[in-house]
Structures are given as C-alpha cells and as structure tokens.
Amino acid sequence: PTSLFPPTVPNAATNEMRKIVGTYYQDVEYGYFTELGYASARLLVDLIRRAGDNADRAGVLATARSLTSYDTGGFTNPNRPINLTPGVEHPRDMIIVRMQGSKWVQDSGWLPPR
C-alpha cells in the first residue's frame, strides 16, 4: 500500500537491488514485483537483525509489531518513512520520470499526494 521508486530508474536503492539480485540471478526483468520482493526481503533481514538473540519466529514477530515507522532505504520517500501504526495509511508520494533516449530518468524529487 505504498508507492515504490520505479525499478528501471537508477538511484542508490535500485542500484543496490540490481547488484544483489544480479549476484544470484542474471536473467531478471526488473519490474514492480521484483522490487517489491526485494524490499520485502530487505525488511525481513532488518527485522531478524533487530531481533538479535531473539530471532526465532516469536522474536521476529514481536520486533515487527514494535515498529511504528520504517525507512525502506530509498525505495520510498526517504523524507517520510512508512508509518506502520495500525489503521494509518501511508501517503503515496510519487516522482515524475521521463524517457530519455531508451532509458527512464528521474525528472523530479518526491512529490506529496494532493
């Protein structure tokens, strides 16, 4: 339920995703679902690290439930971490991209919804 940075537009987050995913899979079509899966895996790894010595199922779930916000590392607006408070929907910020030659390039910063 949030907007993701377009996976075909280079930035620090998508470059990291391509580097890590490309290490294990060379024939990947980078799209929304690839990025969503990567961002989800990144969150899970972060939850396991935060759980520390309590990294069993219960510990990871407790850690996840304790979060009130989460910074996706550039896949969403870094100036507004995702609000995980129950019942609160995160605003869907967006950016404008344009085609330059055969590649998508970022044409604006993060824009709040109207």
Protein backbone atom coordinates (compact mmCIF):
# COMPACT_ATOMS: atom_id res chain seq x y z
CA PRO A 1 0.00 0.00 0.00
CA THR A 2 2.69 2.49 -0.84
CA SER A 3 4.49 3.84 -3.87
CA LEU A 4 7.87 2.40 -4.79
CA PHE A 5 10.68 4.13 -6.65
CA PRO A 6 10.48 2.97 -10.29
CA PRO A 7 12.83 -0.04 -10.59
CA THR A 8 14.03 0.98 -14.05
CA VAL A 9 15.24 4.41 -12.88
CA PRO A 10 18.75 4.36 -11.38
CA ASN A 11 19.15 5.55 -7.79
CA ALA A 12 21.03 4.19 -4.78
CA ALA A 13 18.20 1.78 -3.82
CA THR A 14 17.60 0.33 -7.28
CA ASN A 15 21.34 0.09 -7.95
CA GLU A 16 21.77 -1.90 -4.72
CA MET A 17 18.85 -4.14 -5.70
CA ARG A 18 20.34 -4.84 -9.15
CA LYS A 19 23.74 -5.60 -7.64
CA ILE A 20 22.41 -8.05 -5.04
CA VAL A 21 19.73 -9.72 -7.17
CA GLY A 22 22.13 -9.86 -10.14
CA THR A 23 24.62 -11.78 -7.99
CA TYR A 24 22.17 -14.70 -7.82
CA TYR A 25 20.02 -14.27 -10.96
CA GLN A 26 21.43 -12.97 -14.22
CA ASP A 27 18.28 -13.16 -16.36
CA VAL A 28 15.96 -10.86 -14.39
CA GLU A 29 13.35 -8.48 -15.69
CA TYR A 30 13.37 -5.70 -13.10
CA GLY A 31 9.83 -4.56 -12.52
CA TYR A 32 7.43 -3.69 -9.74
CA PHE A 33 7.17 -7.23 -8.36
CA THR A 34 10.95 -7.77 -8.40
CA GLU A 35 11.36 -4.55 -6.45
CA LEU A 36 8.51 -5.39 -4.07
CA GLY A 37 10.05 -8.81 -3.36
CA TYR A 38 13.49 -7.27 -2.80
CA ALA A 39 12.15 -4.54 -0.50
CA SER A 40 10.20 -7.20 1.47
CA ALA A 41 13.29 -9.39 1.83
CA ARG A 42 15.30 -6.35 2.91
CA LEU A 43 12.70 -5.65 5.62
CA LEU A 44 12.78 -9.27 6.83
CA VAL A 45 16.59 -9.25 7.09
CA ASP A 46 16.40 -5.98 9.03
CA LEU A 47 13.78 -7.44 11.40
CA ILE A 48 15.96 -10.52 12.04
CA ARG A 49 18.95 -8.27 12.79
CA ARG A 50 16.88 -6.10 15.13
CA ALA A 51 15.55 -9.20 16.93
CA GLY A 52 19.16 -10.14 17.74
CA ASP A 53 19.39 -13.14 20.07
CA ASN A 54 15.57 -13.43 19.95
CA ALA A 55 15.47 -14.15 16.21
CA ASP A 56 13.04 -17.03 16.44
CA ARG A 57 9.52 -16.67 14.99
CA ALA A 58 8.10 -15.06 18.12
CA GLY A 59 11.02 -12.65 18.46
CA VAL A 60 10.88 -11.52 14.83
CA LEU A 61 7.10 -11.03 15.07
CA ALA A 62 7.49 -9.04 18.30
CA THR A 63 10.13 -6.88 16.63
CA ALA A 64 7.89 -6.31 13.61
CA ARG A 65 4.94 -5.39 15.84
CA SER A 66 7.08 -2.88 17.75
CA LEU A 67 7.90 -0.85 14.63
CA THR A 68 5.95 2.36 14.16
CA SER A 69 7.82 3.51 11.06
CA TYR A 70 10.26 2.07 8.57
CA ASP A 71 12.77 3.61 6.15
CA THR A 72 12.96 1.47 3.02
CA GLY A 73 16.41 2.74 2.08
CA GLY A 74 15.28 4.81 -0.89
CA PHE A 75 12.52 2.65 -2.38
CA THR A 76 10.01 5.09 -0.91
CA ASN A 77 10.36 8.74 0.01
CA PRO A 78 13.28 8.80 2.50
CA ASN A 79 11.97 12.05 3.99
CA ARG A 80 8.79 10.29 5.08
CA PRO A 81 9.40 6.78 6.46
CA ILE A 82 6.45 4.41 6.09
CA ASN A 83 4.06 4.81 9.04
CA LEU A 84 3.23 1.35 10.39
CA THR A 85 0.78 2.49 13.04
CA PRO A 86 -2.32 0.25 12.84
CA GLY A 87 -5.16 1.95 10.98
CA VAL A 88 -2.97 4.65 9.42
CA GLU A 89 -2.43 4.54 5.67
CA HIS A 90 0.91 5.80 4.38
CA PRO A 91 0.61 8.61 1.80
CA ARG A 92 1.53 7.55 -1.71
CA ASP A 93 4.26 10.02 -2.63
CA MET A 94 5.38 9.99 -6.23
CA ILE A 95 8.14 11.13 -8.53
CA ILE A 96 7.99 12.11 -12.18
CA VAL A 97 10.09 10.14 -14.63
CA ARG A 98 10.60 10.65 -18.35
CA MET A 99 12.06 8.70 -21.20
CA GLN A 100 15.47 9.95 -22.30
CA GLY A 101 16.67 8.03 -25.33
CA SER A 102 15.88 4.44 -24.39
CA LYS A 103 16.05 4.86 -20.59
CA TRP A 104 13.78 6.20 -17.88
CA VAL A 105 15.30 9.05 -15.86
CA GLN A 106 14.07 10.81 -12.74
CA ASP A 107 12.64 14.24 -13.55
CA SER A 108 11.52 15.44 -10.09
CA GLY A 109 12.04 14.91 -6.41
CA TRP A 110 9.44 13.14 -4.28
CA LEU A 111 6.05 14.83 -4.56
CA PRO A 112 3.36 14.53 -1.87
CA PRO A 113 -0.15 13.49 -2.86
CA ARG A 114 -2.72 16.24 -3.34
